[in-house]
Amino acid sequence: NAEQGWLKVDQHGADFVPLTKQDDWNGTPSPSPEHSPAVSLDLRSDA
């Protein structure tokens, strides 16, 4: 269930915009020059 998308992190927090289709970087243009390619997923640990 990992998602690829565009991520911007600043003093206001994180803004993640998922790609509309997996691996389709041209189909979901970057929302702003401050957003960069990223991945998002859940993980679990007792660490």
All heavy atoms as atom14 arrays in JSON, in Angstrom:
{
  "sequence": "NAEQGWLKVDQHGADFVPLTKQDDWNGTPSPSPEHSPAVSLDLRSDA",
  "atom14_mask": [
    [1, 1, 1, 1, 1, 1, 1, 1, 0, 0, 0, 0, 0, 0],
    [1, 1, 1, 1, 1, 0, 0, 0, 0, 0, 0, 0, 0, 0],
    [1, 1, 1, 1, 1, 1, 1, 1, 1, 0, 0, 0, 0, 0],
    [1, 1, 1, 1, 1, 1, 1, 1, 1, 0, 0, 0, 0, 0],
    [1, 1, 1, 1, 0, 0, 0, 0, 0, 0, 0, 0, 0, 0],
    [1, 1, 1, 1, 1, 1, 1, 1, 1, 1, 1, 1, 1, 1],
    [1, 1, 1, 1, 1, 1, 1, 1, 0, 0, 0, 0, 0, 0],
    [1, 1, 1, 1, 1, 1, 1, 1, 1, 0, 0, 0, 0, 0],
    [1, 1, 1, 1, 1, 1, 1, 0, 0, 0, 0, 0, 0, 0],
    [1, 1, 1, 1, 1, 1, 1, 1, 0, 0, 0, 0, 0, 0],
    [1, 1, 1, 1, 1, 1, 1, 1, 1, 0, 0, 0, 0, 0],
    [1, 1, 1, 1, 1, 1, 1, 1, 1, 1, 0, 0, 0, 0],
    [1, 1, 1, 1, 0, 0, 0, 0, 0, 0, 0, 0, 0, 0],
    [1, 1, 1, 1, 1, 0, 0, 0, 0, 0, 0, 0, 0, 0],
    [1, 1, 1, 1, 1, 1, 1, 1, 0, 0, 0, 0, 0, 0],
    [1, 1, 1, 1, 1, 1, 1, 1, 1, 1, 1, 0, 0, 0],
    [1, 1, 1, 1, 1, 1, 1, 0, 0, 0, 0, 0, 0, 0],
    [1, 1, 1, 1, 1, 1, 1, 0, 0, 0, 0, 0, 0, 0],
    [1, 1, 1, 1, 1, 1, 1, 1, 0, 0, 0, 0, 0, 0],
    [1, 1, 1, 1, 1, 1, 1, 0, 0, 0, 0, 0, 0, 0],
    [1, 1, 1, 1, 1, 1, 1, 1, 1, 0, 0, 0, 0, 0],
    [1, 1, 1, 1, 1, 1, 1, 1, 1, 0, 0, 0, 0, 0],
    [1, 1, 1, 1, 1, 1, 1, 1, 0, 0, 0, 0, 0, 0],
    [1, 1, 1, 1, 1, 1, 1, 1, 0, 0, 0, 0, 0, 0],
    [1, 1, 1, 1, 1, 1, 1, 1, 1, 1, 1, 1, 1, 1],
    [1, 1, 1, 1, 1, 1, 1, 1, 0, 0, 0, 0, 0, 0],
    [1, 1, 1, 1, 0, 0, 0, 0, 0, 0, 0, 0, 0, 0],
    [1, 1, 1, 1, 1, 1, 1, 0, 0, 0, 0, 0, 0, 0],
    [1, 1, 1, 1, 1, 1, 1, 0, 0, 0, 0, 0, 0, 0],
    [1, 1, 1, 1, 1, 1, 0, 0, 0, 0, 0, 0, 0, 0],
    [1, 1, 1, 1, 1, 1, 1, 0, 0, 0, 0, 0, 0, 0],
    [1, 1, 1, 1, 1, 1, 0, 0, 0, 0, 0, 0, 0, 0],
    [1, 1, 1, 1, 1, 1, 1, 0, 0, 0, 0, 0, 0, 0],
    [1, 1, 1, 1, 1, 1, 1, 1, 1, 0, 0, 0, 0, 0],
    [1, 1, 1, 1, 1, 1, 1, 1, 1, 1, 0, 0, 0, 0],
    [1, 1, 1, 1, 1, 1, 0, 0, 0, 0, 0, 0, 0, 0],
    [1, 1, 1, 1, 1, 1, 1, 0, 0, 0, 0, 0, 0, 0],
    [1, 1, 1, 1, 1, 0, 0, 0, 0, 0, 0, 0, 0, 0],
    [1, 1, 1, 1, 1, 1, 1, 0, 0, 0, 0, 0, 0, 0],
    [1, 1, 1, 1, 1, 1, 0, 0, 0, 0, 0, 0, 0, 0],
    [1, 1, 1, 1, 1, 1, 1, 1, 0, 0, 0, 0, 0, 0],
    [1, 1, 1, 1, 1, 1, 1, 1, 0, 0, 0, 0, 0, 0],
    [1, 1, 1, 1, 1, 1, 1, 1, 0, 0, 0, 0, 0, 0],
    [1, 1, 1, 1, 1, 1, 1, 1, 1, 1, 1, 0, 0, 0],
    [1, 1, 1, 1, 1, 1, 0, 0, 0, 0, 0, 0, 0, 0],
    [1, 1, 1, 1, 1, 1, 1, 1, 0, 0, 0, 0, 0, 0],
    [1, 1, 1, 1, 1, 0, 0, 0, 0, 0, 0, 0, 0, 0]
  ],
  "atom14_positions": [
    [[0.81, -1.22, 0.0], [0.0, 0.0, 0.0], [0.85, 1.27, 0.0], [0.33, 2.35, 0.28], [-0.94, 0.0, 1.22], [-1.94, -1.12, 1.12], [-2.66, -1.24, 0.14], [-1.96, -1.98, 2.12], [0.0, 0.0, 0.0], [0.0, 0.0, 0.0], [0.0, 0.0, 0.0], [0.0, 0.0, 0.0], [0.0, 0.0, 0.0], [0.0, 0.0, 0.0]],
    [[2.13, 1.15, -0.33], [3.0, 2.32, -0.41], [2.51, 3.24, -1.53], [1.99, 2.77, -2.54], [4.44, 1.9, -0.67], [0.0, 0.0, 0.0], [0.0, 0.0, 0.0], [0.0, 0.0, 0.0], [0.0, 0.0, 0.0], [0.0, 0.0, 0.0], [0.0, 0.0, 0.0], [0.0, 0.0, 0.0], [0.0, 0.0, 0.0], [0.0, 0.0, 0.0]],
    [[2.67, 4.54, -1.32], [2.27, 5.51, -2.32], [3.48, 6.32, -2.77], [4.32, 6.69, -1.97], [1.25, 6.51, -1.76], [-0.1, 5.94, -1.47], [-1.05, 7.03, -1.01], [-0.84, 7.55, 0.1], [-1.99, 7.34, -1.77], [0.0, 0.0, 0.0], [0.0, 0.0, 0.0], [0.0, 0.0, 0.0], [0.0, 0.0, 0.0], [0.0, 0.0, 0.0]],
    [[3.53, 6.59, -4.07], [4.49, 7.53, -4.61], [3.79, 8.87, -4.74], [2.58, 8.92, -4.96], [4.98, 7.07, -5.98], [5.77, 5.79, -5.94], [6.07, 5.29, -7.34], [5.2, 5.29, -8.2], [7.3, 4.88, -7.57], [0.0, 0.0, 0.0], [0.0, 0.0, 0.0], [0.0, 0.0, 0.0], [0.0, 0.0, 0.0], [0.0, 0.0, 0.0]],
    [[4.55, 9.94, -4.63], [3.93, 11.24, -4.77], [4.93, 12.36, -4.65], [6.13, 12.16, -4.78], [0.0, 0.0, 0.0], [0.0, 0.0, 0.0], [0.0, 0.0, 0.0], [0.0, 0.0, 0.0], [0.0, 0.0, 0.0], [0.0, 0.0, 0.0], [0.0, 0.0, 0.0], [0.0, 0.0, 0.0], [0.0, 0.0, 0.0], [0.0, 0.0, 0.0]],
    [[4.4, 13.55, -4.4], [5.2, 14.76, -4.26], [5.11, 15.24, -2.82], [4.02, 15.31, -2.25], [4.68, 15.84, -5.19], [4.71, 15.45, -6.63], [3.69, 14.97, -7.39], [5.85, 15.51, -7.5], [4.11, 14.72, -8.67], [5.43, 15.06, -8.78], [7.16, 15.9, -7.33], [6.29, 14.98, -9.86], [8.02, 15.84, -8.42], [7.58, 15.38, -9.67]],
    [[6.24, 15.59, -2.21], [6.29, 15.98, -0.82], [6.95, 17.34, -0.66], [7.99, 17.61, -1.26], [7.06, 14.94, 0.0], [7.26, 15.22, 1.48], [5.93, 15.21, 2.23], [8.21, 14.19, 2.08], [0.0, 0.0, 0.0], [0.0, 0.0, 0.0], [0.0, 0.0, 0.0], [0.0, 0.0, 0.0], [0.0, 0.0, 0.0], [0.0, 0.0, 0.0]],
    [[6.32, 18.18, 0.16], [6.92, 19.45, 0.57], [6.86, 19.49, 2.09], [5.81, 19.24, 2.68], [6.16, 20.64, 0.0], [6.69, 21.99, 0.48], [5.92, 23.15, -0.1], [4.69, 23.4, 0.72], [4.0, 24.66, 0.41], [0.0, 0.0, 0.0], [0.0, 0.0, 0.0], [0.0, 0.0, 0.0], [0.0, 0.0, 0.0], [0.0, 0.0, 0.0]],
    [[7.98, 19.78, 2.72], [8.02, 19.91, 4.18], [8.54, 21.31, 4.49], [9.59, 21.72, 3.98], [8.94, 18.85, 4.82], [8.99, 19.01, 6.32], [8.47, 17.45, 4.44], [0.0, 0.0, 0.0], [0.0, 0.0, 0.0], [0.0, 0.0, 0.0], [0.0, 0.0, 0.0], [0.0, 0.0, 0.0], [0.0, 0.0, 0.0], [0.0, 0.0, 0.0]],
    [[7.79, 22.03, 5.31], [8.22, 23.36, 5.73], [7.76, 23.6, 7.16], [7.32, 22.65, 7.84], [7.72, 24.44, 4.78], [6.2, 24.5, 4.66], [5.49, 24.0, 5.57], [5.7, 25.06, 3.67], [0.0, 0.0, 0.0], [0.0, 0.0, 0.0], [0.0, 0.0, 0.0], [0.0, 0.0, 0.0], [0.0, 0.0, 0.0], [0.0, 0.0, 0.0]],
    [[7.83, 24.82, 7.62], [7.48, 25.13, 9.01], [6.02, 24.85, 9.32], [5.63, 24.76, 10.48], [7.83, 26.59, 9.36], [6.99, 27.63, 8.67], [7.52, 28.05, 7.3], [8.35, 27.37, 6.71], [7.03, 29.15, 6.78], [0.0, 0.0, 0.0], [0.0, 0.0, 0.0], [0.0, 0.0, 0.0], [0.0, 0.0, 0.0], [0.0, 0.0, 0.0]],
    [[5.19, 24.68, 8.3], [3.76, 24.4, 8.5], [3.46, 22.91, 8.54], [2.32, 22.52, 8.76], [2.93, 25.07, 7.41], [3.15, 26.54, 7.33], [2.77, 27.41, 8.32], [3.76, 27.29, 6.38], [3.11, 28.64, 7.99], [3.72, 28.6, 6.82], [0.0, 0.0, 0.0], [0.0, 0.0, 0.0], [0.0, 0.0, 0.0], [0.0, 0.0, 0.0]],
    [[4.46, 22.07, 8.29], [4.25, 20.63, 8.3], [4.55, 20.02, 6.95], [5.26, 20.59, 6.13], [0.0, 0.0, 0.0], [0.0, 0.0, 0.0], [0.0, 0.0, 0.0], [0.0, 0.0, 0.0], [0.0, 0.0, 0.0], [0.0, 0.0, 0.0], [0.0, 0.0, 0.0], [0.0, 0.0, 0.0], [0.0, 0.0, 0.0], [0.0, 0.0, 0.0]],
    [[3.99, 18.85, 6.72], [4.24, 18.11, 5.48], [3.01, 18.16, 4.59], [1.88, 18.05, 5.05], [4.57, 16.66, 5.81], [0.0, 0.0, 0.0], [0.0, 0.0, 0.0], [0.0, 0.0, 0.0], [0.0, 0.0, 0.0], [0.0, 0.0, 0.0], [0.0, 0.0, 0.0], [0.0, 0.0, 0.0], [0.0, 0.0, 0.0], [0.0, 0.0, 0.0]],
    [[3.25, 18.34, 3.29], [2.18, 18.31, 2.29], [2.55, 17.22, 1.29], [3.5, 17.38, 0.52], [2.04, 19.66, 1.6], [0.97, 19.65, 0.52], [-0.03, 18.9, 0.67], [1.12, 20.38, -0.48], [0.0, 0.0, 0.0], [0.0, 0.0, 0.0], [0.0, 0.0, 0.0], [0.0, 0.0, 0.0], [0.0, 0.0, 0.0], [0.0, 0.0, 0.0]],
    [[1.83, 16.12, 1.31], [2.09, 14.99, 0.41], [0.95, 14.9, -0.59], [-0.22, 14.82, -0.21], [2.2, 13.68, 1.19], [2.53, 12.49, 0.33], [3.82, 12.28, -0.13], [1.55, 11.58, -0.02], [4.13, 11.18, -0.91], [1.85, 10.48, -0.8], [3.14, 10.27, -1.25], [0.0, 0.0, 0.0], [0.0, 0.0, 0.0], [0.0, 0.0, 0.0]],
    [[1.28, 14.91, -1.88], [0.29, 14.78, -2.96], [0.58, 13.48, -3.7], [1.58, 13.38, -4.41], [0.36, 15.99, -3.92], [-0.65, 15.83, -5.05], [0.16, 17.29, -3.17], [0.0, 0.0, 0.0], [0.0, 0.0, 0.0], [0.0, 0.0, 0.0], [0.0, 0.0, 0.0], [0.0, 0.0, 0.0], [0.0, 0.0, 0.0], [0.0, 0.0, 0.0]],
    [[-0.28, 12.46, -3.52], [-0.01, 11.17, -4.17], [-0.15, 11.25, -5.69], [-0.91, 12.07, -6.22], [-1.09, 10.24, -3.61], [-1.85, 11.02, -2.61], [-1.47, 12.45, -2.71], [0.0, 0.0, 0.0], [0.0, 0.0, 0.0], [0.0, 0.0, 0.0], [0.0, 0.0, 0.0], [0.0, 0.0, 0.0], [0.0, 0.0, 0.0], [0.0, 0.0, 0.0]],
    [[0.61, 10.4, -6.37], [0.44, 10.28, -7.82], [-0.93, 9.68, -8.09], [-1.42, 8.85, -7.33], [1.5, 9.36, -8.43], [2.96, 9.8, -8.34], [3.85, 8.78, -9.04], [3.16, 11.17, -8.93], [0.0, 0.0, 0.0], [0.0, 0.0, 0.0], [0.0, 0.0, 0.0], [0.0, 0.0, 0.0], [0.0, 0.0, 0.0], [0.0, 0.0, 0.0]],
    [[-1.55, 10.09, -9.19], [-2.86, 9.54, -9.53], [-2.75, 8.09, -9.99], [-3.68, 7.31, -9.85], [-3.55, 10.38, -10.61], [-2.67, 10.53, -11.72], [-3.94, 11.74, -10.07], [0.0, 0.0, 0.0], [0.0, 0.0, 0.0], [0.0, 0.0, 0.0], [0.0, 0.0, 0.0], [0.0, 0.0, 0.0], [0.0, 0.0, 0.0], [0.0, 0.0, 0.0]],
    [[-1.59, 7.72, -10.54], [-1.35, 6.35, -11.0], [0.1, 6.0, -10.66], [1.0, 6.79, -10.92], [-1.59, 6.28, -12.51], [-1.42, 4.91, -13.1], [-1.72, 4.96, -14.59], [-1.27, 3.68, -15.24], [-1.22, 3.79, -16.7], [0.0, 0.0, 0.0], [0.0, 0.0, 0.0], [0.0, 0.0, 0.0], [0.0, 0.0, 0.0], [0.0, 0.0, 0.0]],
    [[0.3, 4.83, -10.06], [1.64, 4.39, -9.64], [2.65, 4.53, -10.78], [2.37, 4.13, -11.92], [1.56, 2.93, -9.17], [2.77, 2.44, -8.45], [2.84, 2.93, -7.01], [2.11, 3.8, -6.59], [3.78, 2.38, -6.27], [0.0, 0.0, 0.0], [0.0, 0.0, 0.0], [0.0, 0.0, 0.0], [0.0, 0.0, 0.0], [0.0, 0.0, 0.0]],
    [[3.82, 5.06, -10.5], [4.93, 5.24, -11.44], [4.64, 6.21, -12.57], [5.41, 6.31, -13.51], [5.38, 3.9, -12.04], [6.03, 2.99, -11.01], [6.75, 3.51, -10.15], [5.8, 1.77, -11.08], [0.0, 0.0, 0.0], [0.0, 0.0, 0.0], [0.0, 0.0, 0.0], [0.0, 0.0, 0.0], [0.0, 0.0, 0.0], [0.0, 0.0, 0.0]],
    [[3.53, 6.97, -12.51], [3.19, 7.92, -13.57], [3.56, 9.33, -13.14], [2.72, 10.15, -12.79], [1.69, 7.83, -13.9], [1.3, 8.72, -15.08], [2.21, 9.17, -15.81], [0.1, 8.97, -15.26], [0.0, 0.0, 0.0], [0.0, 0.0, 0.0], [0.0, 0.0, 0.0], [0.0, 0.0, 0.0], [0.0, 0.0, 0.0], [0.0, 0.0, 0.0]],
    [[4.87, 9.63, -13.18], [5.35, 10.93, -12.73], [4.94, 12.04, -13.68], [4.82, 13.19, -13.27], [6.87, 10.9, -12.56], [7.24, 10.05, -11.4], [7.69, 8.75, -11.46], [7.15, 10.38, -10.03], [7.89, 8.27, -10.18], [7.57, 9.25, -9.29], [6.76, 11.52, -9.33], [7.61, 9.22, -7.9], [6.8, 11.49, -7.95], [7.22, 10.37, -7.25]],
    [[4.69, 11.73, -14.94], [4.26, 12.76, -15.88], [2.76, 13.05, -15.76], [2.31, 14.12, -16.11], [4.58, 12.35, -17.32], [6.08, 12.28, -17.55], [6.83, 13.08, -17.0], [6.52, 11.32, -18.33], [0.0, 0.0, 0.0], [0.0, 0.0, 0.0], [0.0, 0.0, 0.0], [0.0, 0.0, 0.0], [0.0, 0.0, 0.0], [0.0, 0.0, 0.0]],
    [[2.0, 12.09, -15.26], [0.54, 12.26, -15.14], [0.13, 13.09, -13.95], [-0.99, 13.58, -13.89], [0.0, 0.0, 0.0], [0.0, 0.0, 0.0], [0.0, 0.0, 0.0], [0.0, 0.0, 0.0], [0.0, 0.0, 0.0], [0.0, 0.0, 0.0], [0.0, 0.0, 0.0], [0.0, 0.0, 0.0], [0.0, 0.0, 0.0], [0.0, 0.0, 0.0]],
    [[1.01, 13.24, -12.98], [0.73, 14.06, -11.8], [1.86, 15.05, -11.66], [2.87, 14.76, -11.02], [0.62, 13.2, -10.52], [-0.28, 12.12, -10.74], [0.14, 14.04, -9.35], [0.0, 0.0, 0.0], [0.0, 0.0, 0.0], [0.0, 0.0, 0.0], [0.0, 0.0, 0.0], [0.0, 0.0, 0.0], [0.0, 0.0, 0.0], [0.0, 0.0, 0.0]],
    [[1.72, 16.23, -12.28], [2.81, 17.2, -12.18], [3.01, 17.69, -10.75], [2.08, 17.68, -9.95], [2.37, 18.34, -13.1], [0.92, 18.14, -13.32], [0.6, 16.7, -13.04], [0.0, 0.0, 0.0], [0.0, 0.0, 0.0], [0.0, 0.0, 0.0], [0.0, 0.0, 0.0], [0.0, 0.0, 0.0], [0.0, 0.0, 0.0], [0.0, 0.0, 0.0]],
    [[4.22, 18.12, -10.47], [4.53, 18.64, -9.14], [3.62, 19.82, -8.83], [3.48, 20.73, -9.66], [5.99, 19.09, -9.09], [6.27, 19.7, -7.85], [0.0, 0.0, 0.0], [0.0, 0.0, 0.0], [0.0, 0.0, 0.0], [0.0, 0.0, 0.0], [0.0, 0.0, 0.0], [0.0, 0.0, 0.0], [0.0, 0.0, 0.0], [0.0, 0.0, 0.0]],
    [[3.0, 19.83, -7.65], [2.1, 20.94, -7.3], [2.82, 22.27, -7.15], [2.2, 23.32, -7.28], [1.51, 20.51, -5.95], [1.79, 19.06, -5.82], [3.0, 18.78, -6.65], [0.0, 0.0, 0.0], [0.0, 0.0, 0.0], [0.0, 0.0, 0.0], [0.0, 0.0, 0.0], [0.0, 0.0, 0.0], [0.0, 0.0, 0.0], [0.0, 0.0, 0.0]],
    [[4.13, 22.25, -6.87], [4.89, 23.49, -6.72], [6.37, 23.17, -6.87], [6.77, 22.01, -6.76], [4.64, 24.12, -5.35], [5.37, 23.45, -4.35], [0.0, 0.0, 0.0], [0.0, 0.0, 0.0], [0.0, 0.0, 0.0], [0.0, 0.0, 0.0], [0.0, 0.0, 0.0], [0.0, 0.0, 0.0], [0.0, 0.0, 0.0], [0.0, 0.0, 0.0]],
    [[7.19, 24.19, -7.08], [8.64, 23.95, -7.16], [9.23, 23.41, -5.87], [10.29, 22.8, -5.88], [9.22, 25.34, -7.48], [8.09, 26.13, -8.02], [6.84, 25.58, -7.4], [0.0, 0.0, 0.0], [0.0, 0.0, 0.0], [0.0, 0.0, 0.0], [0.0, 0.0, 0.0], [0.0, 0.0, 0.0], [0.0, 0.0, 0.0], [0.0, 0.0, 0.0]],
    [[8.55, 23.63, -4.74], [9.05, 23.15, -3.45], [8.77, 21.67, -3.21], [9.32, 21.08, -2.3], [8.44, 23.97, -2.3], [8.91, 25.4, -2.26], [8.11, 26.29, -3.21], [6.92, 26.01, -3.46], [8.69, 27.27, -3.72], [0.0, 0.0, 0.0], [0.0, 0.0, 0.0], [0.0, 0.0, 0.0], [0.0, 0.0, 0.0], [0.0, 0.0, 0.0]],
    [[7.87, 21.07, -3.99], [7.55, 19.64, -3.84], [8.61, 18.81, -4.57], [9.06, 19.18, -5.64], [6.17, 19.33, -4.43], [5.04, 19.75, -3.56], [4.61, 21.06, -3.47], [4.23, 19.04, -2.74], [3.59, 21.14, -2.64], [3.34, 19.92, -2.18], [0.0, 0.0, 0.0], [0.0, 0.0, 0.0], [0.0, 0.0, 0.0], [0.0, 0.0, 0.0]],
    [[8.99, 17.68, -3.97], [9.95, 16.78, -4.61], [9.39, 15.35, -4.59], [8.52, 15.03, -3.79], [11.29, 16.84, -3.88], [11.14, 16.45, -2.54], [0.0, 0.0, 0.0], [0.0, 0.0, 0.0], [0.0, 0.0, 0.0], [0.0, 0.0, 0.0], [0.0, 0.0, 0.0], [0.0, 0.0, 0.0], [0.0, 0.0, 0.0], [0.0, 0.0, 0.0]],
    [[9.89, 14.47, -5.49], [9.42, 13.09, -5.51], [9.64, 12.42, -4.16], [10.66, 12.64, -3.5], [10.28, 12.43, -6.59], [10.75, 13.55, -7.44], [10.89, 14.73, -6.52], [0.0, 0.0, 0.0], [0.0, 0.0, 0.0], [0.0, 0.0, 0.0], [0.0, 0.0, 0.0], [0.0, 0.0, 0.0], [0.0, 0.0, 0.0], [0.0, 0.0, 0.0]],
    [[8.66, 11.61, -3.74], [8.72, 10.99, -2.42], [7.91, 9.7, -2.4], [7.2, 9.38, -3.34], [8.2, 11.95, -1.36], [0.0, 0.0, 0.0], [0.0, 0.0, 0.0], [0.0, 0.0, 0.0], [0.0, 0.0, 0.0], [0.0, 0.0, 0.0], [0.0, 0.0, 0.0], [0.0, 0.0, 0.0], [0.0, 0.0, 0.0], [0.0, 0.0, 0.0]],
    [[8.03, 8.99, -1.29], [7.27, 7.77, -1.05], [6.66, 7.86, 0.35], [7.21, 8.52, 1.23], [8.16, 6.52, -1.21], [9.24, 6.48, -0.16], [7.35, 5.25, -1.2], [0.0, 0.0, 0.0], [0.0, 0.0, 0.0], [0.0, 0.0, 0.0], [0.0, 0.0, 0.0], [0.0, 0.0, 0.0], [0.0, 0.0, 0.0], [0.0, 0.0, 0.0]],
    [[5.51, 7.21, 0.52], [4.83, 7.19, 1.81], [4.32, 5.78, 2.06], [3.72, 5.16, 1.18], [3.64, 8.17, 1.79], [2.91, 8.09, 2.99], [0.0, 0.0, 0.0], [0.0, 0.0, 0.0], [0.0, 0.0, 0.0], [0.0, 0.0, 0.0], [0.0, 0.0, 0.0], [0.0, 0.0, 0.0], [0.0, 0.0, 0.0], [0.0, 0.0, 0.0]],
    [[4.58, 5.26, 3.26], [4.09, 3.93, 3.61], [3.99, 3.79, 5.12], [4.57, 4.58, 5.86], [4.98, 2.83, 3.04], [6.38, 2.73, 3.63], [6.61, 1.35, 4.19], [7.38, 3.02, 2.55], [0.0, 0.0, 0.0], [0.0, 0.0, 0.0], [0.0, 0.0, 0.0], [0.0, 0.0, 0.0], [0.0, 0.0, 0.0], [0.0, 0.0, 0.0]],
    [[3.25, 2.79, 5.55], [3.15, 2.46, 6.97], [4.19, 1.41, 7.31], [4.48, 0.52, 6.51], [1.76, 1.91, 7.31], [0.7, 3.0, 7.37], [1.05, 4.19, 7.4], [-0.49, 2.64, 7.36], [0.0, 0.0, 0.0], [0.0, 0.0, 0.0], [0.0, 0.0, 0.0], [0.0, 0.0, 0.0], [0.0, 0.0, 0.0], [0.0, 0.0, 0.0]],
    [[4.74, 1.55, 8.51], [5.63, 0.51, 9.01], [5.36, 0.33, 10.49], [4.77, 1.18, 11.14], [7.1, 0.83, 8.72], [7.67, 2.16, 9.14], [8.22, 2.08, 10.55], [8.79, 2.52, 8.2], [0.0, 0.0, 0.0], [0.0, 0.0, 0.0], [0.0, 0.0, 0.0], [0.0, 0.0, 0.0], [0.0, 0.0, 0.0], [0.0, 0.0, 0.0]],
    [[5.78, -0.82, 10.98], [5.5, -1.16, 12.37], [6.76, -1.73, 13.01], [7.51, -2.47, 12.38], [4.38, -2.19, 12.43], [4.05, -2.63, 13.84], [2.96, -3.62, 13.89], [3.34, -4.81, 13.15], [2.51, -5.82, 12.91], [1.27, -5.76, 13.31], [2.93, -6.87, 12.26], [0.0, 0.0, 0.0], [0.0, 0.0, 0.0], [0.0, 0.0, 0.0]],
    [[6.97, -1.36, 14.27], [8.11, -1.88, 15.01], [7.9, -1.63, 16.49], [7.13, -0.75, 16.88], [9.4, -1.19, 14.55], [10.5, -1.7, 15.26], [0.0, 0.0, 0.0], [0.0, 0.0, 0.0], [0.0, 0.0, 0.0], [0.0, 0.0, 0.0], [0.0, 0.0, 0.0], [0.0, 0.0, 0.0], [0.0, 0.0, 0.0], [0.0, 0.0, 0.0]],
    [[8.62, -2.38, 17.3], [8.64, -2.09, 18.74], [9.86, -1.25, 19.09], [10.21, -1.08, 20.25], [8.59, -3.38, 19.56], [9.78, -4.3, 19.3], [10.65, -3.94, 18.47], [9.85, -5.37, 19.9], [0.0, 0.0, 0.0], [0.0, 0.0, 0.0], [0.0, 0.0, 0.0], [0.0, 0.0, 0.0], [0.0, 0.0, 0.0], [0.0, 0.0, 0.0]],
    [[10.52, -0.68, 18.07], [11.71, 0.14, 18.28], [11.38, 1.51, 18.87], [12.26, 2.19, 19.36], [12.46, 0.33, 16.96], [0.0, 0.0, 0.0], [0.0, 0.0, 0.0], [0.0, 0.0, 0.0], [0.0, 0.0, 0.0], [0.0, 0.0, 0.0], [0.0, 0.0, 0.0], [0.0, 0.0, 0.0], [0.0, 0.0, 0.0], [0.0, 0.0, 0.0]]
  ]
}
